[in-house]
């Protein structure tokens, strides 16, 4: 298994899975246009999954997500800042999330785990992953799950690589 690709921004696009690649070209152009005023390289990382764009930016991915949120777009569906990328293995994912949570989430705060699973080679079900992460978090920290949480634990499985982020709810951008 190759090591995880390093990306810090994941963008999903509206469109049919397996449809024409037109959405991906338009989506890439929309991200490039939105971020064109900012210095730095916009490195695109190949994704084997339709309508999923991965970027390795040399700018803060939270700032990039916010810029894209406030830019006109037609095909961008979701923008996720990624804080760390690990191999797609349950223990690696949980271990990295524990490190990120320990530095951000305070006792008594609430969380909710979300997972988008692309490729089922290593993780069979998003629900199983969400349950395992939630249980590990509540076992280790004095925090609890909630429907309207203080923190979002976002897990983006992209084949061999998994991006994770411990984010405030407004930092995961969903566009209509």
Protein backbone atom coordinates (compact mmCIF):
# COMPACT_ATOMS: atom_id res chain seq x y z
CA UNK A 1 0.00 0.00 0.00
CA UNK A 2 1.37 3.39 -0.94
CA UNK A 3 1.57 6.11 1.68
CA UNK A 4 -1.21 8.63 2.02
CA UNK A 5 -1.31 11.53 -0.40
CA UNK A 6 -0.83 14.85 1.32
CA UNK A 7 -3.81 17.14 0.78
CA UNK A 8 -5.32 19.87 2.91
CA UNK A 9 -8.50 20.73 1.03
CA UNK A 10 -11.16 18.41 -0.38
CA UNK A 11 -13.85 19.69 -2.73
CA UNK A 12 -16.82 17.62 -3.88
CA UNK A 13 -18.84 18.53 -6.94
CA UNK A 14 -22.46 18.12 -7.93
CA UNK A 15 -23.02 15.82 -10.85
CA UNK A 16 -23.63 12.23 -11.77
CA UNK A 17 -21.15 9.65 -10.55
CA UNK A 18 -19.50 8.18 -13.58
CA UNK A 19 -20.94 10.93 -15.79
CA UNK A 20 -18.92 13.13 -18.10
CA UNK A 21 -15.90 14.79 -16.51
CA UNK A 22 -17.23 18.26 -17.35
CA UNK A 23 -18.08 18.99 -13.71
CA UNK A 24 -14.50 18.30 -12.67
CA UNK A 25 -13.08 20.75 -15.21
CA UNK A 26 -15.59 23.44 -14.20
CA UNK A 27 -15.03 22.74 -10.49
CA UNK A 28 -11.27 23.02 -10.86
CA UNK A 29 -11.68 26.32 -12.72
CA UNK A 30 -14.03 27.62 -9.99
CA UNK A 31 -11.51 26.80 -7.24
CA UNK A 32 -8.66 28.35 -9.26
CA UNK A 33 -10.71 31.53 -9.89
CA UNK A 34 -11.74 31.86 -6.25
CA UNK A 35 -8.16 31.48 -5.00
CA UNK A 36 -6.44 33.37 -7.85
CA UNK A 37 -5.92 36.56 -5.79
CA UNK A 38 -3.80 34.69 -3.27
CA UNK A 39 -0.11 33.94 -3.51
CA UNK A 40 0.99 30.36 -3.51
CA UNK A 41 0.79 27.22 -5.50
CA UNK A 42 -2.48 25.38 -6.09
CA UNK A 43 -1.37 21.76 -6.35
CA UNK A 44 -4.09 19.38 -7.53
CA UNK A 45 -3.77 15.77 -6.41
CA UNK A 46 -5.21 13.02 -8.55
CA UNK A 47 -8.30 11.38 -7.06
CA UNK A 48 -9.57 8.06 -8.39
CA UNK A 49 -13.11 9.09 -7.49
CA UNK A 50 -15.45 11.10 -9.73
CA UNK A 51 -16.43 14.57 -8.54
CA UNK A 52 -13.76 14.64 -5.80
CA UNK A 53 -10.97 17.22 -6.09
CA UNK A 54 -8.00 17.16 -3.70
CA UNK A 55 -5.66 20.12 -3.22
CA UNK A 56 -2.38 20.69 -1.44
CA UNK A 57 -2.40 24.45 -0.85
CA UNK A 58 0.31 26.57 0.70
CA UNK A 59 -2.32 28.69 2.39
CA UNK A 60 -4.53 28.04 5.39
CA UNK A 61 -7.22 25.57 4.20
CA UNK A 62 -9.77 27.22 6.52
CA UNK A 63 -9.14 30.54 4.78
CA UNK A 64 -9.33 28.85 1.36
CA UNK A 65 -12.67 27.22 2.26
CA UNK A 66 -14.06 30.56 3.39
CA UNK A 67 -12.94 32.27 0.17
CA UNK A 68 -14.60 29.54 -1.92
CA UNK A 69 -17.76 29.82 0.23
CA UNK A 70 -18.01 33.52 -0.66
CA UNK A 71 -17.21 33.05 -4.36
CA UNK A 72 -19.76 32.39 -7.09
CA UNK A 73 -19.72 28.70 -8.05
CA UNK A 74 -21.99 26.42 -10.05
CA UNK A 75 -20.77 22.86 -9.44
CA UNK A 76 -19.06 22.95 -6.03
CA UNK A 77 -21.11 21.07 -3.46
CA UNK A 78 -18.88 20.79 -0.37
CA UNK A 79 -15.51 22.18 0.74
CA UNK A 80 -13.68 20.50 3.61
CA UNK A 81 -10.49 21.86 5.20
CA UNK A 82 -8.27 18.89 6.09
CA UNK A 83 -5.93 19.08 9.08
CA UNK A 84 -4.17 15.74 8.68
CA UNK A 85 -3.96 12.85 6.23
CA UNK A 86 -3.37 9.27 7.38
CA UNK A 87 -3.44 5.82 5.84
CA UNK A 88 -6.96 4.44 5.63
CA UNK A 89 -6.82 2.16 8.64
CA UNK A 90 -9.18 2.35 11.59
CA UNK A 91 -6.40 2.58 14.20
CA UNK A 92 -4.53 5.33 12.28
CA UNK A 93 -7.71 7.38 11.83
CA UNK A 94 -8.72 7.12 15.50
CA UNK A 95 -5.18 7.86 16.71
CA UNK A 96 -4.91 11.05 14.61
CA UNK A 97 -8.38 12.25 15.65
CA UNK A 98 -7.45 11.76 19.34
CA UNK A 99 -4.40 13.99 18.87
CA UNK A 100 -6.41 16.70 17.09
CA UNK A 101 -9.27 16.61 19.63
CA UNK A 102 -6.88 16.78 22.61
CA UNK A 103 -5.52 20.10 21.33
CA UNK A 104 -8.88 21.75 20.62
CA UNK A 105 -11.95 20.36 22.35
CA UNK A 106 -12.56 21.29 25.97
CA UNK A 107 -14.29 19.26 28.68
CA UNK A 108 -18.07 19.47 28.45
CA UNK A 109 -18.13 20.45 24.77
CA UNK A 110 -20.07 18.45 22.21
CA UNK A 111 -19.13 16.79 18.93
CA UNK A 112 -20.58 14.93 15.99
CA UNK A 113 -18.68 12.64 13.63
CA UNK A 114 -19.30 12.76 9.88
CA UNK A 115 -17.72 10.44 7.34
CA UNK A 116 -17.69 10.32 3.56
CA UNK A 117 -16.44 6.94 2.42
CA UNK A 118 -15.00 6.56 -1.08
CA UNK A 119 -13.67 3.08 -1.70
CA UNK A 120 -14.41 0.20 0.67
CA UNK A 121 -11.09 -1.59 0.54
CA UNK A 122 -10.06 -0.83 4.13
CA UNK A 123 -13.17 0.56 5.82
CA UNK A 124 -16.37 -1.35 5.02
CA UNK A 125 -18.97 1.08 6.38
CA UNK A 126 -19.09 4.78 7.23
CA UNK A 127 -21.50 4.01 10.09
CA UNK A 128 -19.06 1.55 11.69
CA UNK A 129 -16.23 4.09 11.45
CA UNK A 130 -18.41 6.86 12.93
CA UNK A 131 -19.45 4.58 15.81
CA UNK A 132 -15.85 3.48 16.54
CA UNK A 133 -14.57 7.07 16.55
CA UNK A 134 -17.47 8.33 18.70
CA UNK A 135 -16.98 5.57 21.27
CA UNK A 136 -13.21 6.16 21.43
CA UNK A 137 -13.73 9.91 21.92
CA UNK A 138 -16.28 9.50 24.74
CA UNK A 139 -14.08 6.89 26.40
CA UNK A 140 -11.02 9.14 26.42
CA UNK A 141 -12.44 12.68 26.82
CA UNK A 142 -15.22 14.23 28.96
CA UNK A 143 -17.21 15.22 25.85
CA UNK A 144 -20.47 13.97 24.35
CA UNK A 145 -22.25 13.59 21.03
CA UNK A 146 -24.91 16.09 20.01
CA UNK A 147 -27.07 16.85 16.97
CA UNK A 148 -26.05 20.52 17.10
CA UNK A 149 -22.43 20.15 18.23
CA UNK A 150 -19.67 22.56 19.19
CA UNK A 151 -17.27 20.55 16.98
CA UNK A 152 -17.48 18.48 13.81
CA UNK A 153 -15.14 15.53 13.44
CA UNK A 154 -14.95 15.28 9.64
CA UNK A 155 -13.51 12.10 8.11
CA UNK A 156 -12.95 11.98 4.35
CA UNK A 157 -11.91 8.51 3.16
CA UNK A 158 -10.44 8.71 -0.35
CA UNK A 159 -9.21 5.19 -1.11
CA UNK A 160 -5.81 4.61 0.56
CA UNK A 161 -5.76 8.09 2.14
CA UNK A 162 -8.05 9.58 4.76
CA UNK A 163 -8.27 13.27 5.54
CA UNK A 164 -9.47 14.29 8.99
CA UNK A 165 -10.39 17.57 10.58
CA UNK A 166 -11.72 18.75 13.93
CA UNK A 167 -13.69 21.78 12.84
CA UNK A 168 -16.36 24.20 13.97
CA UNK A 169 -19.66 23.48 12.16
CA UNK A 170 -19.37 26.61 9.98
CA UNK A 171 -15.91 25.54 8.74
CA UNK A 172 -17.30 22.67 6.62
CA UNK A 173 -18.77 24.54 3.66
CA UNK A 174 -21.89 23.20 1.96
CA UNK A 175 -23.08 25.12 -1.06
CA UNK A 176 -26.64 24.94 -2.33
